[in-house]
Amino acid sequence: MATQTEEDQPLVVWMDGDCRLCQRSMAWCELRDPVGNVRFIDFRRQAEDELPSTLEAHQRSMWVRDHDGSLYEGFAAWRRILTRIPGWRWLAKLTALPPFTLIGPPLYRLLAAHRHRFRPR
């Protein structure tokens, strides 16, 4: 039996479908990903036992499952998504370097904690 590769299977992203910032981020990705390398799921519309982490963890952060079952959370999840969006791998590589590795995770947590206050156009 052949092992599925990254190109065979999209990343699965659990996001907050009630969050406008999350909706805009999803729309940004989908516009730049016409081949469907990334698939978004609203965690609020899933049974808790279908989620890769606890409901509380999903309420705090976005989660990504890779083709091999690896899970990424928060800033690491965004970096993983960027590796699959055509033309944006360079940004994923850049954010793997200091100072982004130092400021990215706490900045993500801050934005995620206050995401319902944002009203993007």
PDB file of N, CA and C in Angstrom:
ATOM      1  N   MET A   1       0.843  -1.176   0.000  1.00  0.00           N
ATOM      2  CA  MET A   1       0.000   0.000   0.000  1.00  0.00           C
ATOM      3  C   MET A   1       0.893   1.246   0.000  1.00  0.00           C
ATOM      4  N   ALA A   2       0.626   2.157  -0.905  1.00  0.00           N
ATOM      5  CA  ALA A   2       1.422   3.384  -1.018  1.00  0.00           C
ATOM      6  C   ALA A   2       1.035   4.366   0.077  1.00  0.00           C
ATOM      7  N   THR A   3       2.037   5.075   0.590  1.00  0.00           N
ATOM      8  CA  THR A   3       1.806   6.116   1.585  1.00  0.00           C
ATOM      9  C   THR A   3       1.402   7.391   0.872  1.00  0.00           C
ATOM     10  N   GLN A   4       0.385   8.069   1.412  1.00  0.00           N
ATOM     11  CA  GLN A   4      -0.030   9.324   0.804  1.00  0.00           C
ATOM     12  C   GLN A   4       1.013  10.391   1.066  1.00  0.00           C
ATOM     13  N   THR A   5       1.261  11.192   0.055  1.00  0.00           N
ATOM     14  CA  THR A   5       2.213  12.275   0.190  1.00  0.00           C
ATOM     15  C   THR A   5       1.475  13.567   0.477  1.00  0.00           C
ATOM     16  N   GLU A   6       2.242  14.590   0.759  1.00  0.00           N
ATOM     17  CA  GLU A   6       1.686  15.911   1.054  1.00  0.00           C
ATOM     18  C   GLU A   6       0.784  16.392  -0.078  1.00  0.00           C
ATOM     19  N   GLU A   7       1.195  16.155  -1.328  1.00  0.00           N
ATOM     20  CA  GLU A   7       0.427  16.633  -2.469  1.00  0.00           C
ATOM     21  C   GLU A   7      -0.879  15.877  -2.656  1.00  0.00           C
ATOM     22  N   ASP A   8      -0.979  14.666  -2.118  1.00  0.00           N
ATOM     23  CA  ASP A   8      -2.181  13.851  -2.272  1.00  0.00           C
ATOM     24  C   ASP A   8      -3.320  14.285  -1.369  1.00  0.00           C
ATOM     25  N   GLN A   9      -3.011  14.943  -0.291  1.00  0.00           N
ATOM     26  CA  GLN A   9      -4.005  15.206   0.742  1.00  0.00           C
ATOM     27  C   GLN A   9      -3.878  16.647   1.243  1.00  0.00           C
ATOM     28  N   PRO A  10      -5.005  17.355   1.338  1.00  0.00           N
ATOM     29  CA  PRO A  10      -4.916  18.743   1.825  1.00  0.00           C
ATOM     30  C   PRO A  10      -4.666  18.792   3.324  1.00  0.00           C
ATOM     31  N   LEU A  11      -4.116  19.922   3.764  1.00  0.00           N
ATOM     32  CA  LEU A  11      -4.059  20.193   5.197  1.00  0.00           C
ATOM     33  C   LEU A  11      -5.488  20.373   5.665  1.00  0.00           C
ATOM     34  N   VAL A  12      -5.786  19.918   6.848  1.00  0.00           N
ATOM     35  CA  VAL A  12      -7.106  20.131   7.432  1.00  0.00           C
ATOM     36  C   VAL A  12      -6.939  21.155   8.542  1.00  0.00           C
ATOM     37  N   VAL A  13      -7.710  22.243   8.442  1.00  0.00           N
ATOM     38  CA  VAL A  13      -7.606  23.356   9.372  1.00  0.00           C
ATOM     39  C   VAL A  13      -8.920  23.494  10.126  1.00  0.00           C
ATOM     40  N   TRP A  14      -8.845  23.426  11.462  1.00  0.00           N
ATOM     41  CA  TRP A  14     -10.018  23.677  12.294  1.00  0.00           C
ATOM     42  C   TRP A  14      -9.938  25.114  12.760  1.00  0.00           C
ATOM     43  N   MET A  15     -10.953  25.900  12.386  1.00  0.00           N
ATOM     44  CA  MET A  15     -10.969  27.318  12.719  1.00  0.00           C
ATOM     45  C   MET A  15     -12.326  27.682  13.308  1.00  0.00           C
ATOM     46  N   ASP A  16     -12.419  28.913  13.804  1.00  0.00           N
ATOM     47  CA  ASP A  16     -13.632  29.408  14.439  1.00  0.00           C
ATOM     48  C   ASP A  16     -14.519  30.082  13.398  1.00  0.00           C
ATOM     49  N   GLY A  17     -15.560  29.408  12.977  1.00  0.00           N
ATOM     50  CA  GLY A  17     -16.454  29.929  11.958  1.00  0.00           C
ATOM     51  C   GLY A  17     -17.279  31.120  12.401  1.00  0.00           C
ATOM     52  N   ASP A  18     -17.328  31.403  13.694  1.00  0.00           N
ATOM     53  CA  ASP A  18     -18.058  32.563  14.207  1.00  0.00           C
ATOM     54  C   ASP A  18     -17.185  33.810  14.274  1.00  0.00           C
ATOM     55  N   CYS A  19     -15.929  33.692  13.965  1.00  0.00           N
ATOM     56  CA  CYS A  19     -14.950  34.786  14.074  1.00  0.00           C
ATOM     57  C   CYS A  19     -14.744  35.425  12.707  1.00  0.00           C
ATOM     58  N   ARG A  20     -14.993  36.730  12.621  1.00  0.00           N
ATOM     59  CA  ARG A  20     -14.824  37.423  11.335  1.00  0.00           C
ATOM     60  C   ARG A  20     -13.369  37.464  10.890  1.00  0.00           C
ATOM     61  N   LEU A  21     -12.454  37.629  11.827  1.00  0.00           N
ATOM     62  CA  LEU A  21     -11.034  37.613  11.473  1.00  0.00           C
ATOM     63  C   LEU A  21     -10.659  36.246  10.899  1.00  0.00           C
ATOM     64  N   CYS A  22     -11.174  35.190  11.498  1.00  0.00           N
ATOM     65  CA  CYS A  22     -10.918  33.825  11.016  1.00  0.00           C
ATOM     66  C   CYS A  22     -11.539  33.618   9.639  1.00  0.00           C
ATOM     67  N   GLN A  23     -12.756  34.126   9.444  1.00  0.00           N
ATOM     68  CA  GLN A  23     -13.423  34.015   8.151  1.00  0.00           C
ATOM     69  C   GLN A  23     -12.629  34.723   7.062  1.00  0.00           C
ATOM     70  N   ARG A  24     -12.117  35.909   7.387  1.00  0.00           N
ATOM     71  CA  ARG A  24     -11.318  36.665   6.416  1.00  0.00           C
ATOM     72  C   ARG A  24     -10.009  35.944   6.114  1.00  0.00           C
ATOM     73  N   SER A  25      -9.401  35.369   7.124  1.00  0.00           N
ATOM     74  CA  SER A  25      -8.161  34.616   6.918  1.00  0.00           C
ATOM     75  C   SER A  25      -8.414  33.405   6.022  1.00  0.00           C
ATOM     76  N   MET A  26      -9.516  32.718   6.253  1.00  0.00           N
ATOM     77  CA  MET A  26      -9.886  31.572   5.429  1.00  0.00           C
ATOM     78  C   MET A  26     -10.117  32.023   3.979  1.00  0.00           C
ATOM     79  N   ALA A  27     -10.837  33.128   3.790  1.00  0.00           N
ATOM     80  CA  ALA A  27     -11.102  33.643   2.443  1.00  0.00           C
ATOM     81  C   ALA A  27      -9.797  34.021   1.740  1.00  0.00           C
ATOM     82  N   TRP A  28      -8.858  34.625   2.481  1.00  0.00           N
ATOM     83  CA  TRP A  28      -7.556  34.981   1.918  1.00  0.00           C
ATOM     84  C   TRP A  28      -6.859  33.726   1.402  1.00  0.00           C
ATOM     85  N   CYS A  29      -6.855  32.683   2.212  1.00  0.00           N
ATOM     86  CA  CYS A  29      -6.202  31.431   1.817  1.00  0.00           C
ATOM     87  C   CYS A  29      -6.895  30.798   0.617  1.00  0.00           C
ATOM     88  N   GLU A  30      -8.205  30.720   0.651  1.00  0.00           N
ATOM     89  CA  GLU A  30      -8.939  30.067  -0.428  1.00  0.00           C
ATOM     90  C   GLU A  30      -8.759  30.802  -1.754  1.00  0.00           C
ATOM     91  N   LEU A  31      -8.667  32.117  -1.720  1.00  0.00           N
ATOM     92  CA  LEU A  31      -8.442  32.899  -2.933  1.00  0.00           C
ATOM     93  C   LEU A  31      -7.085  32.576  -3.553  1.00  0.00           C
ATOM     94  N   ARG A  32      -6.104  32.305  -2.728  1.00  0.00           N
ATOM     95  CA  ARG A  32      -4.742  32.048  -3.197  1.00  0.00           C
ATOM     96  C   ARG A  32      -4.433  30.564  -3.376  1.00  0.00           C
ATOM     97  N   ASP A  33      -5.395  29.719  -3.052  1.00  0.00           N
ATOM     98  CA  ASP A  33      -5.208  28.264  -3.101  1.00  0.00           C
ATOM     99  C   ASP A  33      -6.286  27.623  -3.984  1.00  0.00           C
ATOM    100  N   PRO A  34      -6.248  27.890  -5.292  1.00  0.00           N
ATOM    101  CA  PRO A  34      -7.311  27.384  -6.164  1.00  0.00           C
ATOM    102  C   PRO A  34      -7.330  25.863  -6.311  1.00  0.00           C
ATOM    103  N   VAL A  35      -6.237  25.197  -5.964  1.00  0.00           N
ATOM    104  CA  VAL A  35      -6.185  23.740  -6.109  1.00  0.00           C
ATOM    105  C   VAL A  35      -6.631  22.997  -4.846  1.00  0.00           C
ATOM    106  N   GLY A  36      -6.906  23.715  -3.768  1.00  0.00           N
ATOM    107  CA  GLY A  36      -7.427  23.072  -2.557  1.00  0.00           C
ATOM    108  C   GLY A  36      -6.397  22.359  -1.716  1.00  0.00           C
ATOM    109  N   ASN A  37      -5.215  22.959  -1.552  1.00  0.00           N
ATOM    110  CA  ASN A  37      -4.199  22.371  -0.681  1.00  0.00           C
ATOM    111  C   ASN A  37      -4.560  22.469   0.796  1.00  0.00           C
ATOM    112  N   VAL A  38      -5.503  23.352   1.106  1.00  0.00           N
ATOM    113  CA  VAL A  38      -5.911  23.583   2.493  1.00  0.00           C
ATOM    114  C   VAL A  38      -7.432  23.495   2.564  1.00  0.00           C
ATOM    115  N   ARG A  39      -7.929  22.713   3.516  1.00  0.00           N
ATOM    116  CA  ARG A  39      -9.376  22.547   3.697  1.00  0.00           C
ATOM    117  C   ARG A  39      -9.748  23.028   5.095  1.00  0.00           C
ATOM    118  N   PHE A  40     -10.709  23.949   5.166  1.00  0.00           N
ATOM    119  CA  PHE A  40     -11.115  24.537   6.434  1.00  0.00           C
ATOM    120  C   PHE A  40     -12.369  23.878   6.974  1.00  0.00           C
ATOM    121  N   ILE A  41     -12.373  23.684   8.293  1.00  0.00           N
ATOM    122  CA  ILE A  41     -13.513  23.119   9.007  1.00  0.00           C
ATOM    123  C   ILE A  41     -13.820  24.033  10.183  1.00  0.00           C
ATOM    124  N   ASP A  42     -15.081  24.381  10.342  1.00  0.00           N
ATOM    125  CA  ASP A  42     -15.513  25.175  11.488  1.00  0.00           C
ATOM    126  C   ASP A  42     -15.621  24.239  12.688  1.00  0.00           C
ATOM    127  N   PHE A  43     -14.757  24.420  13.667  1.00  0.00           N
ATOM    128  CA  PHE A  43     -14.759  23.509  14.813  1.00  0.00           C
ATOM    129  C   PHE A  43     -16.083  23.567  15.567  1.00  0.00           C
ATOM    130  N   ARG A  44     -16.794  24.683  15.489  1.00  0.00           N
ATOM    131  CA  ARG A  44     -18.060  24.828  16.210  1.00  0.00           C
ATOM    132  C   ARG A  44     -19.169  23.964  15.615  1.00  0.00           C
ATOM    133  N   ARG A  45     -18.977  23.492  14.394  1.00  0.00           N
ATOM    134  CA  ARG A  45     -19.985  22.665  13.719  1.00  0.00           C
ATOM    135  C   ARG A  45     -19.634  21.176  13.775  1.00  0.00           C
ATOM    136  N   GLN A  46     -18.632  20.838  14.575  1.00  0.00           N
ATOM    137  CA  GLN A  46     -18.176  19.455  14.699  1.00  0.00           C
ATOM    138  C   GLN A  46     -18.500  18.913  16.083  1.00  0.00           C
ATOM    139  N   ALA A  47     -18.709  17.613  16.162  1.00  0.00           N
ATOM    140  CA  ALA A  47     -18.847  16.966  17.462  1.00  0.00           C
ATOM    141  C   ALA A  47     -17.485  17.003  18.155  1.00  0.00           C
ATOM    142  N   GLU A  48     -17.508  17.132  19.462  1.00  0.00           N
ATOM    143  CA  GLU A  48     -16.244  17.261  20.194  1.00  0.00           C
ATOM    144  C   GLU A  48     -15.302  16.089  19.949  1.00  0.00           C
ATOM    145  N   ASP A  49     -15.841  14.890  19.781  1.00  0.00           N
ATOM    146  CA  ASP A  49     -14.971  13.728  19.547  1.00  0.00           C
ATOM    147  C   ASP A  49     -14.388  13.692  18.131  1.00  0.00           C
ATOM    148  N   GLU A  50     -14.810  14.611  17.247  1.00  0.00           N
ATOM    149  CA  GLU A  50     -14.245  14.711  15.906  1.00  0.00           C
ATOM    150  C   GLU A  50     -13.087  15.714  15.834  1.00  0.00           C
ATOM    151  N   LEU A  51     -12.872  16.443  16.916  1.00  0.00           N
ATOM    152  CA  LEU A  51     -11.820  17.455  16.953  1.00  0.00           C
ATOM    153  C   LEU A  51     -10.480  16.822  17.323  1.00  0.00           C
ATOM    154  N   PRO A  52      -9.393  17.360  16.786  1.00  0.00           N
ATOM    155  CA  PRO A  52      -8.082  16.784  17.107  1.00  0.00           C
ATOM    156  C   PRO A  52      -7.580  17.154  18.497  1.00  0.00           C
ATOM    157  N   SER A  53      -8.217  18.130  19.146  1.00  0.00           N
ATOM    158  CA  SER A  53      -7.836  18.530  20.494  1.00  0.00           C
ATOM    159  C   SER A  53      -9.111  18.798  21.290  1.00  0.00           C
ATOM    160  N   THR A  54      -8.954  19.302  22.486  1.00  0.00           N
ATOM    161  CA  THR A  54     -10.123  19.565  23.322  1.00  0.00           C
ATOM    162  C   THR A  54     -10.900  20.775  22.790  1.00  0.00           C
ATOM    163  N   LEU A  55     -12.153  20.867  23.139  1.00  0.00           N
ATOM    164  CA  LEU A  55     -12.977  22.006  22.748  1.00  0.00           C
ATOM    165  C   LEU A  55     -12.364  23.302  23.265  1.00  0.00           C
ATOM    166  N   GLU A  56     -11.871  23.287  24.498  1.00  0.00           N
ATOM    167  CA  GLU A  56     -11.236  24.480  25.077  1.00  0.00           C
ATOM    168  C   GLU A  56     -10.016  24.910  24.272  1.00  0.00           C
ATOM    169  N   ALA A  57      -9.222  23.948  23.822  1.00  0.00           N
ATOM    170  CA  ALA A  57      -8.046  24.269  23.013  1.00  0.00           C
ATOM    171  C   ALA A  57      -8.456  24.887  21.673  1.00  0.00           C
ATOM    172  N   HIS A  58      -9.536  24.406  21.101  1.00  0.00           N
ATOM    173  CA  HIS A  58     -10.025  24.963  19.834  1.00  0.00           C
ATOM    174  C   HIS A  58     -10.599  26.358  20.028  1.00  0.00           C
ATOM    175  N   GLN A  59     -11.141  26.620  21.177  1.00  0.00           N
ATOM    176  CA  GLN A  59     -11.669  27.952  21.450  1.00  0.00           C
ATOM    177  C   GLN A  59     -10.537  28.974  21.611  1.00  0.00           C
ATOM    178  N   ARG A  60      -9.351  28.512  21.941  1.00  0.00           N
ATOM    179  CA  ARG A  60      -8.187  29.391  22.125  1.00  0.00           C
ATOM    180  C   ARG A  60      -7.359  29.564  20.866  1.00  0.00           C
ATOM    181  N   SER A  61      -7.389  28.576  19.955  1.00  0.00           N
ATOM    182  CA  SER A  61      -6.422  28.570  18.871  1.00  0.00           C
ATOM    183  C   SER A  61      -6.893  27.752  17.678  1.00  0.00           C
ATOM    184  N   MET A  62      -6.290  28.011  16.545  1.00  0.00           N
ATOM    185  CA  MET A  62      -6.520  27.254  15.323  1.00  0.00           C
ATOM    186  C   MET A  62      -5.634  26.004  15.345  1.00  0.00           C
ATOM    187  N   TRP A  63      -6.112  24.936  14.723  1.00  0.00           N
ATOM    188  CA  TRP A  63      -5.361  23.686  14.651  1.00  0.00           C
ATOM    189  C   TRP A  63      -5.278  23.203  13.217  1.00  0.00           C
ATOM    190  N   VAL A  64      -4.156  22.592  12.860  1.00  0.00           N
ATOM    191  CA  VAL A  64      -3.938  22.039  11.526  1.00  0.00           C
ATOM    192  C   VAL A  64      -3.468  20.598  11.671  1.00  0.00           C
ATOM    193  N   ARG A  65      -4.055  19.715  10.842  1.00  0.00           N
ATOM    194  CA  ARG A  65      -3.562  18.325  10.764  1.00  0.00           C
ATOM    195  C   ARG A  65      -2.936  18.143   9.390  1.00  0.00           C
ATOM    196  N   ASP A  66      -1.714  17.648   9.405  1.00  0.00           N
ATOM    197  CA  ASP A  66      -0.938  17.403   8.195  1.00  0.00           C
ATOM    198  C   ASP A  66      -1.293  16.032   7.614  1.00  0.00           C
ATOM    199  N   HIS A  67      -0.798  15.757   6.420  1.00  0.00           N
ATOM    200  CA  HIS A  67      -1.067  14.493   5.741  1.00  0.00           C
ATOM    201  C   HIS A  67      -0.580  13.278   6.527  1.00  0.00           C
ATOM    202  N   ASP A  68       0.430  13.467   7.367  1.00  0.00           N
ATOM    203  CA  ASP A  68       0.970  12.342   8.137  1.00  0.00           C
ATOM    204  C   ASP A  68       0.388  12.260   9.548  1.00  0.00           C
ATOM    205  N   GLY A  69      -0.613  13.115   9.837  1.00  0.00           N
ATOM    206  CA  GLY A  69      -1.256  13.106  11.147  1.00  0.00           C
ATOM    207  C   GLY A  69      -0.668  14.086  12.140  1.00  0.00           C
ATOM    208  N   SER A  70       0.426  14.758  11.766  1.00  0.00           N
ATOM    209  CA  SER A  70       1.033  15.738  12.669  1.00  0.00           C
ATOM    210  C   SER A  70       0.067  16.892  12.915  1.00  0.00           C
ATOM    211  N   LEU A  71       0.021  17.365  14.174  1.00  0.00           N
ATOM    212  CA  LEU A  71      -0.829  18.491  14.539  1.00  0.00           C
ATOM    213  C   LEU A  71       0.012  19.730  14.795  1.00  0.00           C
ATOM    214  N   TYR A  72      -0.511  20.863  14.343  1.00  0.00           N
ATOM    215  CA  TYR A  72       0.124  22.161  14.559  1.00  0.00           C
ATOM    216  C   TYR A  72      -0.925  23.077  15.159  1.00  0.00           C
ATOM    217  N   GLU A  73      -0.483  23.954  16.037  1.00  0.00           N
ATOM    218  CA  GLU A  73      -1.407  24.846  16.739  1.00  0.00           C
ATOM    219  C   GLU A  73      -0.918  26.284  16.624  1.00  0.00           C
ATOM    220  N   GLY A  74      -1.856  27.220  16.506  1.00  0.00           N
ATOM    221  CA  GLY A  74      -1.542  28.639  16.561  1.00  0.00           C
ATOM    222  C   GLY A  74      -0.598  29.117  15.474  1.00  0.00           C
ATOM    223  N   PHE A  75       0.476  29.785  15.889  1.00  0.00           N
ATOM    224  CA  PHE A  75       1.446  30.343  14.965  1.00  0.00           C
ATOM    225  C   PHE A  75       2.076  29.246  14.091  1.00  0.00           C
ATOM    226  N   ALA A  76       2.378  28.117  14.679  1.00  0.00           N
ATOM    227  CA  ALA A  76       2.953  27.002  13.909  1.00  0.00           C
ATOM    228  C   ALA A  76       1.956  26.518  12.852  1.00  0.00           C
ATOM    229  N   ALA A  77       0.678  26.545  13.180  1.00  0.00           N
ATOM    230  CA  ALA A  77      -0.352  26.157  12.219  1.00  0.00           C
ATOM    231  C   ALA A  77      -0.379  27.124  11.043  1.00  0.00           C
ATOM    232  N   TRP A  78      -0.298  28.426  11.316  1.00  0.00           N
ATOM    233  CA  TRP A  78      -0.261  29.405  10.229  1.00  0.00           C
ATOM    234  C   TRP A  78       0.960  29.214   9.351  1.00  0.00           C
ATOM    235  N   ARG A  79       2.092  28.956   9.963  1.00  0.00           N
ATOM    236  CA  ARG A  79       3.301  28.718   9.181  1.00  0.00           C
ATOM    237  C   ARG A  79       3.125  27.493   8.283  1.00  0.00           C
ATOM    238  N   ARG A  80       2.499  26.463   8.820  1.00  0.00           N
ATOM    239  CA  ARG A  80       2.277  25.240   8.022  1.00  0.00           C
ATOM    240  C   ARG A  80       1.327  25.523   6.859  1.00  0.00           C
ATOM    241  N   ILE A  81       0.289  26.290   7.087  1.00  0.00           N
ATOM    242  CA  ILE A  81      -0.647  26.654   6.022  1.00  0.00           C
ATOM    243  C   ILE A  81       0.099  27.383   4.908  1.00  0.00           C
ATOM    244  N   LEU A  82       0.945  28.331   5.270  1.00  0.00           N
ATOM    245  CA  LEU A  82       1.673  29.112   4.266  1.00  0.00           C
ATOM    246  C   LEU A  82       2.557  28.239   3.377  1.00  0.00           C
ATOM    247  N   THR A  83       3.023  27.103   3.893  1.00  0.00           N
ATOM    248  CA  THR A  83       3.851  26.219   3.065  1.00  0.00           C
ATOM    249  C   THR A  83       3.043  25.581   1.947  1.00  0.00           C
ATOM    250  N   ARG A  84       1.725  25.576   2.086  1.00  0.00           N
ATOM    251  CA  ARG A  84       0.863  24.933   1.082  1.00  0.00           C
ATOM    252  C   ARG A  84       0.118  25.918   0.190  1.00  0.00           C
ATOM    253  N   ILE A  85       0.206  27.202   0.491  1.00  0.00           N
ATOM    254  CA  ILE A  85      -0.442  28.217  -0.341  1.00  0.00           C
ATOM    255  C   ILE A  85       0.537  28.597  -1.453  1.00  0.00           C
ATOM    256  N   PRO A  86       0.162  28.385  -2.708  1.00  0.00           N
ATOM    257  CA  PRO A  86       1.088  28.698  -3.799  1.00  0.00           C
ATOM    258  C   PRO A  86       1.608  30.137  -3.720  1.00  0.00           C
ATOM    259  N   GLY A  87       2.936  30.258  -3.810  1.00  0.00           N
ATOM    260  CA  GLY A  87       3.589  31.560  -3.803  1.00  0.00           C
ATOM    261  C   GLY A  87       3.875  32.122  -2.421  1.00  0.00           C
ATOM    262  N   TRP A  88       3.536  31.407  -1.353  1.00  0.00           N
ATOM    263  CA  TRP A  88       3.720  31.950  -0.005  1.00  0.00           C
ATOM    264  C   TRP A  88       4.665  31.117   0.863  1.00  0.00           C
ATOM    265  N   ARG A  89       5.304  30.129   0.291  1.00  0.00           N
ATOM    266  CA  ARG A  89       6.254  29.307   1.058  1.00  0.00           C
ATOM    267  C   ARG A  89       7.400  30.161   1.601  1.00  0.00           C
ATOM    268  N   TRP A  90       7.788  31.198   0.866  1.00  0.00           N
ATOM    269  CA  TRP A  90       8.868  32.081   1.304  1.00  0.00           C
ATOM    270  C   TRP A  90       8.555  32.708   2.662  1.00  0.00           C
ATOM    271  N   LEU A  91       7.279  33.063   2.886  1.00  0.00           N
ATOM    272  CA  LEU A  91       6.905  33.668   4.161  1.00  0.00           C
ATOM    273  C   LEU A  91       6.966  32.643   5.289  1.00  0.00           C
ATOM    274  N   ALA A  92       6.607  31.414   5.008  1.00  0.00           N
ATOM    275  CA  ALA A  92       6.733  30.360   6.011  1.00  0.00           C
ATOM    276  C   ALA A  92       8.199  30.174   6.405  1.00  0.00           C
ATOM    277  N   LYS A  93       9.083  30.202   5.418  1.00  0.00           N
ATOM    278  CA  LYS A  93      10.520  30.066   5.707  1.00  0.00           C
ATOM    279  C   LYS A  93      11.042  31.258   6.497  1.00  0.00           C
ATOM    280  N   LEU A  94      10.610  32.458   6.119  1.00  0.00           N
ATOM    281  CA  LEU A  94      11.042  33.661   6.823  1.00  0.00           C
ATOM    282  C   LEU A  94      10.596  33.637   8.286  1.00  0.00           C
ATOM    283  N   THR A  95       9.371  33.232   8.535  1.00  0.00           N
ATOM    284  CA  THR A  95       8.848  33.233   9.906  1.00  0.00           C
ATOM    285  C   THR A  95       9.397  32.089  10.751  1.00  0.00           C
ATOM    286  N   ALA A  96      10.229  31.255  10.155  1.00  0.00           N
ATOM    287  CA  ALA A  96      10.917  30.210  10.918  1.00  0.00           C
ATOM    288  C   ALA A  96      12.216  30.719  11.531  1.00  0.00           C
ATOM    289  N   LEU A  97      12.523  31.996  11.266  1.00  0.00           N
ATOM    290  CA  LEU A  97      13.761  32.599  11.751  1.00  0.00           C
ATOM    291  C   LEU A  97      13.482  33.596  12.874  1.00  0.00           C
ATOM    292  N   PRO A  98      14.474  33.795  13.759  1.00  0.00           N
ATOM    293  CA  PRO A  98      14.348  34.889  14.721  1.00  0.00           C
ATOM    294  C   PRO A  98      14.311  36.224  13.971  1.00  0.00           C
ATOM    295  N   PRO A  99      13.593  37.184  14.388  1.00  0.00           N
ATOM    296  CA  PRO A  99      12.841  37.306  15.629  1.00  0.00           C
ATOM    297  C   PRO A  99      11.425  36.757  15.550  1.00  0.00           C
ATOM    298  N   PHE A 100      11.008  36.278  14.349  1.00  0.00           N
ATOM    299  CA  PHE A 100       9.630  35.802  14.186  1.00  0.00           C
ATOM    300  C   PHE A 100       9.311  34.619  15.093  1.00  0.00           C
ATOM    301  N   THR A 101      10.296  33.747  15.315  1.00  0.00           N
ATOM    302  CA  THR A 101      10.068  32.601  16.194  1.00  0.00           C
ATOM    303  C   THR A 101       9.833  33.037  17.639  1.00  0.00           C
ATOM    304  N   LEU A 102      10.333  34.214  17.970  1.00  0.00           N
ATOM    305  CA  LEU A 102      10.156  34.735  19.335  1.00  0.00           C
ATOM    306  C   LEU A 102       8.870  35.536  19.499  1.00  0.00           C
ATOM    307  N   ILE A 103       8.555  36.352  18.503  1.00  0.00           N
ATOM    308  CA  ILE A 103       7.375  37.215  18.642  1.00  0.00           C
ATOM    309  C   ILE A 103       6.107  36.600  18.042  1.00  0.00           C
ATOM    310  N   GLY A 104       6.258  35.666  17.103  1.00  0.00           N
ATOM    311  CA  GLY A 104       5.097  35.076  16.429  1.00  0.00           C
ATOM    312  C   GLY A 104       4.133  34.360  17.351  1.00  0.00           C
ATOM    313  N   PRO A 105       4.592  33.406  18.158  1.00  0.00           N
ATOM    314  CA  PRO A 105       3.657  32.679  19.022  1.00  0.00           C
ATOM    315  C   PRO A 105       2.908  33.571  20.024  1.00  0.00           C
ATOM    316  N   PRO A 106       3.587  34.472  20.764  1.00  0.00           N
ATOM    317  CA  PRO A 106       2.806  35.312  21.681  1.00  0.00           C
ATOM    318  C   PRO A 106       1.890  36.294  20.946  1.00  0.00           C
ATOM    319  N   LEU A 107       2.317  36.773  19.782  1.00  0.00           N
ATOM    320  CA  LEU A 107       1.452  37.669  19.009  1.00  0.00           C
ATOM    321  C   LEU A 107       0.212  36.921  18.526  1.00  0.00           C
ATOM    322  N   TYR A 108       0.396  35.691  18.065  1.00  0.00           N
ATOM    323  CA  TYR A 108      -0.752  34.875  17.657  1.00  0.00           C
ATOM    324  C   TYR A 108      -1.711  34.690  18.840  1.00  0.00           C
ATOM    325  N   ARG A 109      -1.175  34.315  20.002  1.00  0.00           N
ATOM    326  CA  ARG A 109      -2.035  34.100  21.183  1.00  0.00           C
ATOM    327  C   ARG A 109      -2.806  35.363  21.555  1.00  0.00           C
ATOM    328  N   LEU A 110      -2.152  36.520  21.465  1.00  0.00           N
ATOM    329  CA  LEU A 110      -2.815  37.791  21.766  1.00  0.00           C
ATOM    330  C   LEU A 110      -3.956  38.052  20.776  1.00  0.00           C
ATOM    331  N   LEU A 111      -3.678  37.908  19.487  1.00  0.00           N
ATOM    332  CA  LEU A 111      -4.721  38.113  18.479  1.00  0.00           C
ATOM    333  C   LEU A 111      -5.858  37.106  18.638  1.00  0.00           C
ATOM    334  N   ALA A 112      -5.511  35.856  18.877  1.00  0.00           N
ATOM    335  CA  ALA A 112      -6.541  34.825  19.035  1.00  0.00           C
ATOM    336  C   ALA A 112      -7.426  35.093  20.254  1.00  0.00           C
ATOM    337  N   ALA A 113      -6.834  35.557  21.337  1.00  0.00           N
ATOM    338  CA  ALA A 113      -7.605  35.840  22.554  1.00  0.00           C
ATOM    339  C   ALA A 113      -8.596  36.983  22.361  1.00  0.00           C
ATOM    340  N   HIS A 114      -8.274  37.893  21.442  1.00  0.00           N
ATOM    341  CA  HIS A 114      -9.129  39.069  21.228  1.00  0.00           C
ATOM    342  C   HIS A 114      -9.751  39.083  19.831  1.00  0.00           C
ATOM    343  N   ARG A 115      -9.783  37.946  19.166  1.00  0.00           N
ATOM    344  CA  ARG A 115     -10.216  37.887  17.771  1.00  0.00           C
ATOM    345  C   ARG A 115     -11.646  38.341  17.545  1.00  0.00           C
ATOM    346  N   HIS A 116     -12.513  38.178  18.532  1.00  0.00           N
ATOM    347  CA  HIS A 116     -13.920  38.565  18.349  1.00  0.00           C
ATOM    348  C   HIS A 116     -14.114  40.081  18.441  1.00  0.00           C
ATOM    349  N   ARG A 117     -13.105  40.794  18.844  1.00  0.00           N
ATOM    350  CA  ARG A 117     -13.165  42.260  18.884  1.00  0.00           C
ATOM    351  C   ARG A 117     -12.838  42.894  17.548  1.00  0.00           C
ATOM    352  N   PHE A 118     -12.152  42.133  16.680  1.00  0.00           N
ATOM    353  CA  PHE A 118     -11.763  42.658  15.381  1.00  0.00           C
ATOM    354  C   PHE A 118     -12.949  42.626  14.426  1.00  0.00           C
ATOM    355  N   ARG A 119     -13.073  43.677  13.653  1.00  0.00           N
ATOM    356  CA  ARG A 119     -14.142  43.767  12.650  1.00  0.00           C
ATOM    357  C   ARG A 119     -13.507  44.049  11.285  1.00  0.00           C
ATOM    358  N   PRO A 120     -12.809  43.059  10.714  1.00  0.00           N
ATOM    359  CA  PRO A 120     -12.178  43.331   9.415  1.00  0.00           C
ATOM    360  C   PRO A 120     -13.235  43.598   8.353  1.00  0.00           C
ATOM    361  N   ARG A 121     -12.862  44.411   7.398  1.00  0.00           N
ATOM    362  CA  ARG A 121     -13.795  44.745   6.304  1.00  0.00           C
ATOM    363  C   ARG A 121     -13.811  43.681   5.264  1.00  0.00           C
TER     364      ARG A 121
END
